[in-house]
N, C-alpha and C. Protein backbone atom coordinates (compact mmCIF):
# COMPACT_ATOMS: atom_id res chain seq x y z
N UNK A 1 17.24 7.82 -35.20
CA UNK A 1 17.11 8.53 -33.92
C UNK A 1 17.54 7.60 -32.79
N UNK A 2 18.43 8.08 -31.91
CA UNK A 2 18.91 7.27 -30.81
C UNK A 2 17.96 7.36 -29.63
N UNK A 3 17.79 6.22 -28.94
CA UNK A 3 16.93 6.19 -27.76
C UNK A 3 17.78 6.05 -26.52
N UNK A 4 17.43 6.81 -25.52
CA UNK A 4 18.10 6.72 -24.23
C UNK A 4 17.55 5.50 -23.50
N UNK A 5 18.39 4.49 -23.15
CA UNK A 5 17.90 3.30 -22.46
C UNK A 5 17.16 3.62 -21.18
N UNK A 6 17.66 4.61 -20.45
CA UNK A 6 17.00 4.98 -19.20
C UNK A 6 15.61 5.55 -19.48
N UNK A 7 15.47 6.33 -20.56
CA UNK A 7 14.18 6.90 -20.91
C UNK A 7 13.21 5.80 -21.30
N UNK A 8 13.70 4.80 -22.07
CA UNK A 8 12.84 3.68 -22.46
C UNK A 8 12.36 2.94 -21.22
N UNK A 9 13.25 2.73 -20.26
CA UNK A 9 12.89 2.04 -19.03
C UNK A 9 11.84 2.83 -18.26
N UNK A 10 12.02 4.15 -18.21
CA UNK A 10 11.08 5.01 -17.52
C UNK A 10 9.72 4.96 -18.19
N UNK A 11 9.72 4.99 -19.54
CA UNK A 11 8.46 4.93 -20.28
C UNK A 11 7.71 3.63 -19.98
N UNK A 12 8.45 2.52 -19.97
CA UNK A 12 7.82 1.23 -19.68
C UNK A 12 7.25 1.22 -18.27
N UNK A 13 8.00 1.77 -17.33
CA UNK A 13 7.56 1.82 -15.95
C UNK A 13 6.29 2.67 -15.82
N UNK A 14 6.26 3.81 -16.51
CA UNK A 14 5.09 4.68 -16.48
C UNK A 14 3.87 3.99 -17.08
N UNK A 15 4.07 3.28 -18.20
CA UNK A 15 2.97 2.57 -18.85
C UNK A 15 2.43 1.47 -17.95
N UNK A 16 3.33 0.73 -17.33
CA UNK A 16 2.92 -0.34 -16.42
C UNK A 16 2.12 0.23 -15.25
N UNK A 17 2.60 1.34 -14.69
CA UNK A 17 1.91 1.97 -13.57
C UNK A 17 0.52 2.45 -14.00
N UNK A 18 0.44 3.01 -15.20
CA UNK A 18 -0.85 3.49 -15.70
C UNK A 18 -1.81 2.33 -15.96
N UNK A 19 -1.29 1.22 -16.46
CA UNK A 19 -2.12 0.03 -16.67
C UNK A 19 -2.72 -0.44 -15.34
N UNK A 20 -1.90 -0.47 -14.31
CA UNK A 20 -2.39 -0.87 -13.00
C UNK A 20 -3.45 0.09 -12.48
N UNK A 21 -3.22 1.38 -12.71
CA UNK A 21 -4.17 2.40 -12.26
C UNK A 21 -5.51 2.26 -12.95
N UNK A 22 -5.47 2.05 -14.27
CA UNK A 22 -6.71 1.89 -15.05
C UNK A 22 -7.43 0.61 -14.65
N UNK A 23 -6.68 -0.48 -14.49
CA UNK A 23 -7.29 -1.75 -14.07
C UNK A 23 -7.98 -1.60 -12.73
N UNK A 24 -7.32 -0.90 -11.81
CA UNK A 24 -7.90 -0.69 -10.48
C UNK A 24 -9.19 0.11 -10.56
N UNK A 25 -9.21 1.11 -11.43
CA UNK A 25 -10.42 1.92 -11.63
C UNK A 25 -11.57 1.05 -12.12
N UNK A 26 -11.29 0.21 -13.12
CA UNK A 26 -12.34 -0.65 -13.68
C UNK A 26 -12.78 -1.73 -12.71
N UNK A 27 -11.84 -2.30 -11.97
CA UNK A 27 -12.20 -3.32 -10.97
C UNK A 27 -13.14 -2.71 -9.94
N UNK A 28 -12.86 -1.46 -9.55
CA UNK A 28 -13.69 -0.78 -8.54
C UNK A 28 -15.05 -0.42 -9.11
N UNK A 29 -15.09 -0.01 -10.38
CA UNK A 29 -16.33 0.44 -11.01
C UNK A 29 -17.30 -0.71 -11.31
N UNK A 30 -16.78 -1.79 -11.88
CA UNK A 30 -17.68 -2.85 -12.35
C UNK A 30 -17.35 -4.25 -11.84
N UNK A 31 -16.35 -4.33 -10.97
CA UNK A 31 -16.02 -5.62 -10.39
C UNK A 31 -14.91 -6.33 -11.16
N UNK A 32 -14.18 -7.15 -10.44
CA UNK A 32 -13.05 -7.88 -11.04
C UNK A 32 -13.52 -8.83 -12.13
N UNK A 33 -14.56 -9.61 -11.85
CA UNK A 33 -15.01 -10.62 -12.80
C UNK A 33 -15.53 -10.02 -14.10
N UNK A 34 -16.20 -8.86 -14.00
CA UNK A 34 -16.83 -8.26 -15.17
C UNK A 34 -15.87 -7.43 -16.02
N UNK A 35 -14.66 -7.24 -15.53
CA UNK A 35 -13.67 -6.45 -16.27
C UNK A 35 -12.79 -7.36 -17.10
N UNK A 36 -12.62 -7.02 -18.36
CA UNK A 36 -11.78 -7.82 -19.25
C UNK A 36 -10.47 -7.08 -19.55
N UNK A 37 -9.49 -7.83 -19.99
CA UNK A 37 -8.23 -7.21 -20.40
C UNK A 37 -8.47 -6.26 -21.57
N UNK A 38 -9.39 -6.62 -22.44
CA UNK A 38 -9.70 -5.76 -23.59
C UNK A 38 -10.19 -4.40 -23.13
N UNK A 39 -11.07 -4.37 -22.11
CA UNK A 39 -11.59 -3.10 -21.59
C UNK A 39 -10.48 -2.27 -20.97
N UNK A 40 -9.58 -2.93 -20.26
CA UNK A 40 -8.45 -2.20 -19.66
C UNK A 40 -7.61 -1.56 -20.75
N UNK A 41 -7.32 -2.33 -21.80
CA UNK A 41 -6.51 -1.83 -22.92
C UNK A 41 -7.22 -0.66 -23.61
N UNK A 42 -8.53 -0.80 -23.82
CA UNK A 42 -9.29 0.25 -24.52
C UNK A 42 -9.30 1.54 -23.73
N UNK A 43 -9.51 1.45 -22.41
CA UNK A 43 -9.55 2.66 -21.61
C UNK A 43 -8.19 3.36 -21.61
N UNK A 44 -7.13 2.58 -21.61
CA UNK A 44 -5.80 3.17 -21.62
C UNK A 44 -5.42 3.67 -23.01
N UNK A 45 -6.10 3.15 -24.05
CA UNK A 45 -5.79 3.57 -25.41
C UNK A 45 -4.64 2.81 -26.02
N UNK A 46 -4.48 1.53 -25.62
CA UNK A 46 -3.45 0.69 -26.21
C UNK A 46 -4.11 -0.57 -26.75
N UNK A 47 -3.36 -1.33 -27.54
CA UNK A 47 -3.89 -2.59 -28.06
C UNK A 47 -3.80 -3.66 -26.97
N UNK A 48 -4.60 -4.70 -27.15
CA UNK A 48 -4.55 -5.81 -26.19
C UNK A 48 -3.17 -6.46 -26.23
N UNK A 49 -2.57 -6.48 -27.41
CA UNK A 49 -1.23 -7.05 -27.55
C UNK A 49 -0.22 -6.26 -26.74
N UNK A 50 -0.37 -4.94 -26.74
CA UNK A 50 0.53 -4.09 -25.97
C UNK A 50 0.37 -4.36 -24.47
N UNK A 51 -0.88 -4.58 -24.04
CA UNK A 51 -1.12 -4.89 -22.64
C UNK A 51 -0.46 -6.21 -22.26
N UNK A 52 -0.50 -7.19 -23.18
CA UNK A 52 0.11 -8.50 -22.92
C UNK A 52 1.62 -8.40 -22.69
N UNK A 53 2.22 -7.34 -23.19
CA UNK A 53 3.66 -7.15 -22.98
C UNK A 53 3.96 -7.00 -21.48
N UNK A 54 3.00 -6.43 -20.75
CA UNK A 54 3.18 -6.18 -19.33
C UNK A 54 2.48 -7.23 -18.46
N UNK A 55 1.26 -7.59 -18.84
CA UNK A 55 0.48 -8.52 -18.02
C UNK A 55 -0.24 -9.53 -18.93
N UNK A 56 -0.14 -10.80 -18.54
CA UNK A 56 -0.78 -11.86 -19.34
C UNK A 56 -2.21 -12.14 -18.89
N UNK A 57 -2.55 -11.67 -17.69
CA UNK A 57 -3.88 -11.95 -17.15
C UNK A 57 -4.25 -10.91 -16.10
N UNK A 58 -5.52 -10.91 -15.70
CA UNK A 58 -5.96 -10.03 -14.63
C UNK A 58 -5.29 -10.42 -13.31
N UNK A 59 -5.07 -11.72 -13.12
CA UNK A 59 -4.40 -12.18 -11.91
C UNK A 59 -2.99 -11.58 -11.82
N UNK A 60 -2.33 -11.47 -12.95
CA UNK A 60 -1.00 -10.85 -12.96
C UNK A 60 -1.07 -9.40 -12.49
N UNK A 61 -2.14 -8.70 -12.88
CA UNK A 61 -2.29 -7.30 -12.47
C UNK A 61 -2.51 -7.21 -10.97
N UNK A 62 -3.39 -8.06 -10.43
CA UNK A 62 -3.65 -8.06 -8.99
C UNK A 62 -2.38 -8.38 -8.22
N UNK A 63 -1.65 -9.39 -8.71
CA UNK A 63 -0.39 -9.76 -8.05
C UNK A 63 0.59 -8.59 -8.07
N UNK A 64 0.65 -7.88 -9.19
CA UNK A 64 1.55 -6.75 -9.31
C UNK A 64 1.17 -5.63 -8.34
N UNK A 65 -0.12 -5.37 -8.20
CA UNK A 65 -0.59 -4.34 -7.28
C UNK A 65 -0.17 -4.66 -5.85
N UNK A 66 -0.34 -5.93 -5.46
CA UNK A 66 0.03 -6.34 -4.11
C UNK A 66 1.55 -6.30 -3.93
N UNK A 67 2.28 -6.77 -4.93
CA UNK A 67 3.75 -6.79 -4.85
C UNK A 67 4.31 -5.37 -4.73
N UNK A 68 3.73 -4.42 -5.47
CA UNK A 68 4.19 -3.04 -5.39
C UNK A 68 3.99 -2.48 -3.98
N UNK A 69 2.85 -2.82 -3.38
CA UNK A 69 2.55 -2.36 -2.02
C UNK A 69 3.54 -2.95 -1.03
N UNK A 70 3.78 -4.26 -1.15
CA UNK A 70 4.71 -4.94 -0.25
C UNK A 70 6.12 -4.38 -0.41
N UNK A 71 6.51 -4.06 -1.64
CA UNK A 71 7.85 -3.51 -1.89
C UNK A 71 8.03 -2.19 -1.15
N UNK A 72 6.98 -1.37 -1.09
CA UNK A 72 7.07 -0.11 -0.36
C UNK A 72 7.24 -0.36 1.14
N UNK A 73 6.54 -1.37 1.66
CA UNK A 73 6.70 -1.71 3.07
C UNK A 73 8.12 -2.20 3.34
N UNK A 74 8.66 -2.99 2.42
CA UNK A 74 10.03 -3.49 2.59
C UNK A 74 11.04 -2.34 2.60
N UNK A 75 10.81 -1.35 1.76
CA UNK A 75 11.69 -0.18 1.74
C UNK A 75 11.63 0.56 3.07
N UNK A 76 10.41 0.69 3.62
CA UNK A 76 10.24 1.36 4.91
C UNK A 76 10.97 0.58 6.01
N UNK A 77 10.80 -0.73 6.02
CA UNK A 77 11.45 -1.56 7.04
C UNK A 77 12.97 -1.46 6.94
N UNK A 78 13.48 -1.54 5.71
CA UNK A 78 14.94 -1.44 5.52
C UNK A 78 15.46 -0.09 6.01
N UNK A 79 14.73 0.97 5.70
CA UNK A 79 15.13 2.31 6.16
C UNK A 79 15.09 2.39 7.68
N UNK A 80 14.01 1.90 8.29
CA UNK A 80 13.84 2.01 9.74
C UNK A 80 14.95 1.28 10.50
N UNK A 81 15.45 0.20 9.92
CA UNK A 81 16.51 -0.57 10.58
C UNK A 81 17.83 0.21 10.66
N UNK A 82 17.96 1.25 9.84
CA UNK A 82 19.19 2.05 9.85
C UNK A 82 19.10 3.26 10.78
N UNK A 83 17.93 3.47 11.38
CA UNK A 83 17.71 4.65 12.21
C UNK A 83 17.95 4.37 13.69
N UNK A 84 18.25 5.43 14.42
CA UNK A 84 18.42 5.32 15.87
C UNK A 84 17.05 5.23 16.52
N UNK A 85 16.81 4.20 17.34
CA UNK A 85 15.50 4.07 17.99
C UNK A 85 15.18 5.27 18.86
N UNK A 86 13.91 5.63 18.91
CA UNK A 86 13.48 6.74 19.74
C UNK A 86 12.14 7.29 19.26
N UNK A 87 11.58 8.23 19.98
CA UNK A 87 10.26 8.79 19.63
C UNK A 87 10.19 9.37 18.22
N UNK A 88 11.25 10.08 17.82
CA UNK A 88 11.22 10.70 16.49
C UNK A 88 11.26 9.65 15.38
N UNK A 89 12.05 8.59 15.58
CA UNK A 89 12.09 7.51 14.59
C UNK A 89 10.75 6.80 14.53
N UNK A 90 10.14 6.56 15.69
CA UNK A 90 8.81 5.93 15.70
C UNK A 90 7.82 6.81 14.94
N UNK A 91 7.90 8.11 15.15
CA UNK A 91 6.99 9.03 14.46
C UNK A 91 7.21 8.98 12.94
N UNK A 92 8.45 8.90 12.52
CA UNK A 92 8.74 8.83 11.09
C UNK A 92 8.26 7.51 10.48
N UNK A 93 8.43 6.42 11.24
CA UNK A 93 7.94 5.12 10.74
C UNK A 93 6.44 5.17 10.53
N UNK A 94 5.72 5.67 11.53
CA UNK A 94 4.25 5.74 11.45
C UNK A 94 3.81 6.68 10.33
N UNK A 95 4.48 7.81 10.20
CA UNK A 95 4.11 8.78 9.15
C UNK A 95 4.33 8.18 7.76
N UNK A 96 5.46 7.53 7.56
CA UNK A 96 5.75 6.92 6.26
C UNK A 96 4.79 5.76 5.99
N UNK A 97 4.46 5.01 7.04
CA UNK A 97 3.50 3.92 6.88
C UNK A 97 2.13 4.46 6.46
N UNK A 98 1.72 5.55 7.08
CA UNK A 98 0.44 6.17 6.73
C UNK A 98 0.43 6.58 5.26
N UNK A 99 1.50 7.16 4.77
CA UNK A 99 1.57 7.58 3.37
C UNK A 99 1.48 6.38 2.42
N UNK A 100 2.13 5.27 2.79
CA UNK A 100 2.07 4.06 1.96
C UNK A 100 0.66 3.51 1.94
N UNK A 101 0.05 3.42 3.12
CA UNK A 101 -1.30 2.85 3.23
C UNK A 101 -2.32 3.74 2.50
N UNK A 102 -2.18 5.05 2.64
CA UNK A 102 -3.11 5.97 1.98
C UNK A 102 -3.05 5.79 0.47
N UNK A 103 -1.85 5.64 -0.08
CA UNK A 103 -1.69 5.43 -1.52
C UNK A 103 -2.23 4.07 -1.95
N UNK A 104 -2.12 3.07 -1.07
CA UNK A 104 -2.52 1.71 -1.44
C UNK A 104 -3.92 1.32 -1.01
N UNK A 105 -4.64 2.23 -0.35
CA UNK A 105 -5.95 1.87 0.18
C UNK A 105 -6.93 1.48 -0.91
N UNK A 106 -6.79 2.07 -2.10
CA UNK A 106 -7.69 1.72 -3.20
C UNK A 106 -7.53 0.26 -3.60
N UNK A 107 -6.30 -0.25 -3.52
CA UNK A 107 -6.04 -1.65 -3.84
C UNK A 107 -6.78 -2.55 -2.87
N UNK A 108 -6.69 -2.24 -1.58
CA UNK A 108 -7.31 -3.10 -0.59
C UNK A 108 -8.82 -2.95 -0.56
N UNK A 109 -9.35 -1.79 -0.89
CA UNK A 109 -10.80 -1.65 -1.03
C UNK A 109 -11.29 -2.51 -2.18
N UNK A 110 -10.54 -2.51 -3.28
CA UNK A 110 -10.91 -3.33 -4.43
C UNK A 110 -10.90 -4.81 -4.06
N UNK A 111 -9.85 -5.25 -3.36
CA UNK A 111 -9.76 -6.65 -2.96
C UNK A 111 -10.90 -7.02 -2.02
N UNK A 112 -11.24 -6.11 -1.11
CA UNK A 112 -12.33 -6.36 -0.18
C UNK A 112 -13.68 -6.43 -0.91
N UNK A 113 -13.89 -5.50 -1.84
CA UNK A 113 -15.16 -5.46 -2.57
C UNK A 113 -15.34 -6.64 -3.51
N UNK A 114 -14.22 -7.24 -3.91
CA UNK A 114 -14.27 -8.37 -4.86
C UNK A 114 -13.75 -9.66 -4.21
N UNK A 115 -14.01 -9.80 -2.91
CA UNK A 115 -13.47 -10.93 -2.16
C UNK A 115 -13.78 -12.28 -2.80
N UNK A 116 -15.04 -12.47 -3.17
CA UNK A 116 -15.43 -13.76 -3.73
C UNK A 116 -14.67 -14.06 -5.02
N UNK A 117 -14.46 -13.03 -5.83
CA UNK A 117 -13.81 -13.22 -7.13
C UNK A 117 -12.31 -13.45 -7.00
N UNK A 118 -11.68 -12.78 -6.04
CA UNK A 118 -10.22 -12.87 -5.95
C UNK A 118 -9.73 -13.84 -4.88
N UNK A 119 -10.66 -14.44 -4.12
CA UNK A 119 -10.24 -15.30 -3.01
C UNK A 119 -9.44 -16.51 -3.47
N UNK A 120 -9.66 -16.93 -4.70
CA UNK A 120 -8.93 -18.10 -5.19
C UNK A 120 -7.61 -17.78 -5.86
N UNK A 121 -7.32 -16.50 -6.03
CA UNK A 121 -6.08 -16.12 -6.69
C UNK A 121 -4.88 -16.37 -5.79
N UNK A 122 -3.78 -16.72 -6.40
CA UNK A 122 -2.56 -16.96 -5.64
C UNK A 122 -2.16 -15.72 -4.86
N UNK A 123 -2.31 -14.55 -5.50
CA UNK A 123 -1.93 -13.30 -4.84
C UNK A 123 -2.75 -13.08 -3.58
N UNK A 124 -4.05 -13.44 -3.65
CA UNK A 124 -4.92 -13.25 -2.49
C UNK A 124 -4.54 -14.21 -1.38
N UNK A 125 -4.19 -15.42 -1.73
CA UNK A 125 -3.82 -16.42 -0.73
C UNK A 125 -2.51 -16.04 -0.04
N UNK A 126 -1.59 -15.46 -0.79
CA UNK A 126 -0.27 -15.16 -0.26
C UNK A 126 -0.23 -13.87 0.54
N UNK A 127 -1.07 -12.90 0.20
CA UNK A 127 -0.90 -11.57 0.76
C UNK A 127 -1.13 -11.51 2.26
N UNK A 128 -2.01 -12.38 2.80
CA UNK A 128 -2.26 -12.36 4.23
C UNK A 128 -1.00 -12.65 5.02
N UNK A 129 -0.30 -13.71 4.67
CA UNK A 129 0.92 -14.08 5.38
C UNK A 129 2.03 -13.06 5.14
N UNK A 130 2.15 -12.61 3.89
CA UNK A 130 3.17 -11.62 3.56
C UNK A 130 2.95 -10.33 4.35
N UNK A 131 1.70 -9.91 4.44
CA UNK A 131 1.38 -8.68 5.15
C UNK A 131 1.65 -8.84 6.65
N UNK A 132 1.30 -10.01 7.22
CA UNK A 132 1.55 -10.25 8.64
C UNK A 132 3.04 -10.18 8.97
N UNK A 133 3.85 -10.70 8.08
CA UNK A 133 5.30 -10.66 8.31
C UNK A 133 5.80 -9.21 8.37
N UNK A 134 5.28 -8.37 7.48
CA UNK A 134 5.72 -6.96 7.48
C UNK A 134 5.23 -6.23 8.72
N UNK A 135 4.00 -6.52 9.13
CA UNK A 135 3.47 -5.89 10.34
C UNK A 135 4.30 -6.30 11.55
N UNK A 136 4.66 -7.59 11.63
CA UNK A 136 5.50 -8.05 12.74
C UNK A 136 6.83 -7.30 12.77
N UNK A 137 7.42 -7.11 11.59
CA UNK A 137 8.69 -6.39 11.51
C UNK A 137 8.54 -4.95 11.97
N UNK A 138 7.46 -4.30 11.54
CA UNK A 138 7.22 -2.91 11.93
C UNK A 138 6.93 -2.79 13.42
N UNK A 139 6.20 -3.74 13.98
CA UNK A 139 5.93 -3.74 15.42
C UNK A 139 7.26 -3.84 16.17
N UNK A 140 8.14 -4.74 15.73
CA UNK A 140 9.46 -4.88 16.37
C UNK A 140 10.25 -3.58 16.30
N UNK A 141 10.16 -2.90 15.17
CA UNK A 141 10.91 -1.65 15.00
C UNK A 141 10.32 -0.52 15.85
N UNK A 142 9.02 -0.57 16.08
CA UNK A 142 8.36 0.45 16.89
C UNK A 142 8.57 0.23 18.39
N UNK A 143 8.76 -1.03 18.78
CA UNK A 143 8.84 -1.35 20.20
C UNK A 143 10.24 -1.67 20.70
N UNK A 144 11.09 -2.22 19.82
CA UNK A 144 12.43 -2.60 20.23
C UNK A 144 12.45 -3.97 20.89
N UNK A 145 13.65 -4.47 21.20
CA UNK A 145 13.77 -5.79 21.81
C UNK A 145 13.22 -5.80 23.24
N UNK A 146 12.77 -6.97 23.66
CA UNK A 146 12.26 -7.17 25.03
C UNK A 146 11.03 -6.31 25.33
N UNK A 147 10.26 -5.99 24.31
CA UNK A 147 9.05 -5.18 24.53
C UNK A 147 8.00 -6.00 25.28
N UNK A 148 7.24 -5.33 26.10
CA UNK A 148 6.15 -6.00 26.81
C UNK A 148 5.02 -6.31 25.84
N UNK A 149 4.15 -7.22 26.23
CA UNK A 149 3.01 -7.55 25.39
C UNK A 149 2.14 -6.31 25.18
N UNK A 150 2.01 -5.50 26.21
CA UNK A 150 1.21 -4.27 26.10
C UNK A 150 1.78 -3.35 25.02
N UNK A 151 3.10 -3.18 25.02
CA UNK A 151 3.72 -2.31 24.02
C UNK A 151 3.56 -2.89 22.61
N UNK A 152 3.68 -4.20 22.48
CA UNK A 152 3.49 -4.83 21.17
C UNK A 152 2.07 -4.66 20.67
N UNK A 153 1.10 -4.82 21.57
CA UNK A 153 -0.30 -4.65 21.18
C UNK A 153 -0.58 -3.20 20.80
N UNK A 154 -0.01 -2.26 21.54
CA UNK A 154 -0.21 -0.84 21.21
C UNK A 154 0.39 -0.52 19.84
N UNK A 155 1.57 -1.07 19.55
CA UNK A 155 2.19 -0.83 18.24
C UNK A 155 1.37 -1.45 17.12
N UNK A 156 0.89 -2.67 17.34
CA UNK A 156 0.05 -3.33 16.32
C UNK A 156 -1.25 -2.55 16.14
N UNK A 157 -1.82 -2.05 17.24
CA UNK A 157 -3.06 -1.26 17.16
C UNK A 157 -2.82 0.04 16.41
N UNK A 158 -1.65 0.62 16.59
CA UNK A 158 -1.27 1.84 15.87
C UNK A 158 -1.33 1.58 14.36
N UNK A 159 -0.68 0.51 13.92
CA UNK A 159 -0.63 0.20 12.48
C UNK A 159 -2.01 -0.17 11.95
N UNK A 160 -2.76 -0.94 12.73
CA UNK A 160 -4.09 -1.35 12.28
C UNK A 160 -5.05 -0.16 12.21
N UNK A 161 -4.90 0.78 13.14
CA UNK A 161 -5.78 1.96 13.11
C UNK A 161 -5.53 2.78 11.86
N UNK A 162 -4.26 2.85 11.44
CA UNK A 162 -3.93 3.56 10.20
C UNK A 162 -4.55 2.84 9.01
N UNK A 163 -4.38 1.52 8.94
CA UNK A 163 -4.90 0.74 7.81
C UNK A 163 -6.42 0.82 7.73
N UNK A 164 -7.08 0.58 8.85
CA UNK A 164 -8.55 0.60 8.86
C UNK A 164 -9.07 2.01 8.61
N UNK A 165 -8.45 2.98 9.26
CA UNK A 165 -8.92 4.36 9.10
C UNK A 165 -8.82 4.84 7.67
N UNK A 166 -7.72 4.51 7.00
CA UNK A 166 -7.56 4.91 5.59
C UNK A 166 -8.62 4.26 4.72
N UNK A 167 -8.83 2.96 4.89
CA UNK A 167 -9.76 2.24 4.02
C UNK A 167 -11.21 2.64 4.30
N UNK A 168 -11.54 2.82 5.59
CA UNK A 168 -12.93 3.05 5.96
C UNK A 168 -13.37 4.50 5.78
N UNK A 169 -12.46 5.44 6.03
CA UNK A 169 -12.86 6.84 6.05
C UNK A 169 -12.42 7.65 4.83
N UNK A 170 -11.59 7.07 3.95
CA UNK A 170 -11.07 7.88 2.86
C UNK A 170 -12.18 8.44 1.97
N UNK A 171 -13.23 7.66 1.74
CA UNK A 171 -14.34 8.14 0.90
C UNK A 171 -15.39 8.90 1.71
N UNK A 172 -15.28 8.85 3.03
CA UNK A 172 -16.29 9.50 3.88
C UNK A 172 -15.85 10.87 4.38
N UNK A 173 -14.54 11.02 4.59
CA UNK A 173 -14.04 12.28 5.13
C UNK A 173 -14.03 13.36 4.05
N UNK A 174 -14.70 14.49 4.28
CA UNK A 174 -14.72 15.56 3.27
C UNK A 174 -13.38 16.24 3.08
N UNK A 175 -12.55 16.21 4.12
CA UNK A 175 -11.25 16.87 4.08
C UNK A 175 -10.16 15.82 4.29
N UNK A 176 -9.45 15.47 3.21
CA UNK A 176 -8.43 14.42 3.29
C UNK A 176 -7.24 14.84 4.16
N UNK A 177 -6.93 16.12 4.16
CA UNK A 177 -5.83 16.60 5.00
C UNK A 177 -6.18 16.44 6.48
N UNK A 178 -7.44 16.74 6.81
CA UNK A 178 -7.88 16.58 8.19
C UNK A 178 -7.86 15.10 8.58
N UNK A 179 -8.31 14.23 7.67
CA UNK A 179 -8.30 12.80 7.94
C UNK A 179 -6.88 12.32 8.22
N UNK A 180 -5.94 12.75 7.40
CA UNK A 180 -4.54 12.35 7.60
C UNK A 180 -4.03 12.80 8.96
N UNK A 181 -4.35 14.04 9.33
CA UNK A 181 -3.90 14.57 10.61
C UNK A 181 -4.51 13.79 11.79
N UNK A 182 -5.78 13.44 11.67
CA UNK A 182 -6.46 12.70 12.74
C UNK A 182 -5.87 11.30 12.87
N UNK A 183 -5.71 10.62 11.73
CA UNK A 183 -5.14 9.28 11.75
C UNK A 183 -3.73 9.29 12.35
N UNK A 184 -2.96 10.27 11.96
CA UNK A 184 -1.58 10.37 12.46
C UNK A 184 -1.57 10.65 13.96
N UNK A 185 -2.43 11.53 14.39
CA UNK A 185 -2.50 11.89 15.81
C UNK A 185 -2.85 10.68 16.66
N UNK A 186 -3.86 9.92 16.23
CA UNK A 186 -4.28 8.74 16.98
C UNK A 186 -3.17 7.69 16.98
N UNK A 187 -2.56 7.46 15.82
CA UNK A 187 -1.53 6.44 15.69
C UNK A 187 -0.29 6.77 16.51
N UNK A 188 0.14 8.03 16.46
CA UNK A 188 1.33 8.43 17.21
C UNK A 188 1.10 8.34 18.72
N UNK A 189 -0.11 8.63 19.14
CA UNK A 189 -0.43 8.54 20.56
C UNK A 189 -0.29 7.10 21.06
N UNK A 190 -0.63 6.14 20.22
CA UNK A 190 -0.57 4.73 20.61
C UNK A 190 0.85 4.23 20.82
N UNK A 191 1.82 4.87 20.16
CA UNK A 191 3.21 4.44 20.34
C UNK A 191 4.07 5.50 21.02
N UNK A 192 3.41 6.44 21.68
CA UNK A 192 4.13 7.50 22.42
C UNK A 192 5.22 8.13 21.57
N UNK A 193 4.83 8.55 20.37
CA UNK A 193 5.79 9.13 19.44
C UNK A 193 5.41 10.56 19.13
N UNK A 194 6.41 11.43 19.14
CA UNK A 194 6.21 12.83 18.78
C UNK A 194 7.31 13.25 17.81
N UNK A 195 6.92 13.73 16.61
CA UNK A 195 7.94 14.20 15.66
C UNK A 195 8.79 15.29 16.30
N UNK A 196 10.07 15.31 15.95
CA UNK A 196 11.01 16.27 16.53
C UNK A 196 10.53 17.70 16.33
N UNK A 197 10.00 18.00 15.13
CA UNK A 197 9.57 19.38 14.86
C UNK A 197 8.37 19.79 15.70
N UNK A 198 7.57 18.78 16.13
CA UNK A 198 6.37 19.09 16.90
C UNK A 198 6.70 19.43 18.35
N UNK A 199 7.84 18.90 18.83
CA UNK A 199 8.20 19.15 20.22
C UNK A 199 9.15 20.31 20.39
N UNK A 200 9.58 20.90 19.26
CA UNK A 200 10.55 22.00 19.32
C UNK A 200 9.89 23.27 19.84
């Protein structure tokens, strides 16, 4: 039987993503320190050897989770650099950022809940600086060159309100659609951005 190389690649990617998802669930449920690679493999229904094909340690999994998040931010930044500056572009940047943060909020809640356990990991040490660099890039894209300090602070506040709001309210808000709309409304107001369809 012939195998499609692209299908094999997709299968590996899906398995890796599922491993990360299961690990994140267990880290959140019982803590990073108390979760073993064996438990992650068992919940996923694979052997420990199969898990080793993708990750050699729990630190590798945490690093992968952070790297995946950063890669999405890099894609957003690269896309934003190709767009014409203006209110609609600012609105699209903020909206896409919100979607990335909402998907990744579970990762950061896990890191926050397991601060003592993960504080010594290389991934934990690196992510602060890496994240600051991306925020600086997004602030520049939201404000443009020669922006005033006020505009820079408003743009940074916009991004931080999205990040904090997602992490703090995602488990508290009964209606996730309403939460997304509220977060977006507050964030867009901070950077004077209105989506083109909203002003039509």
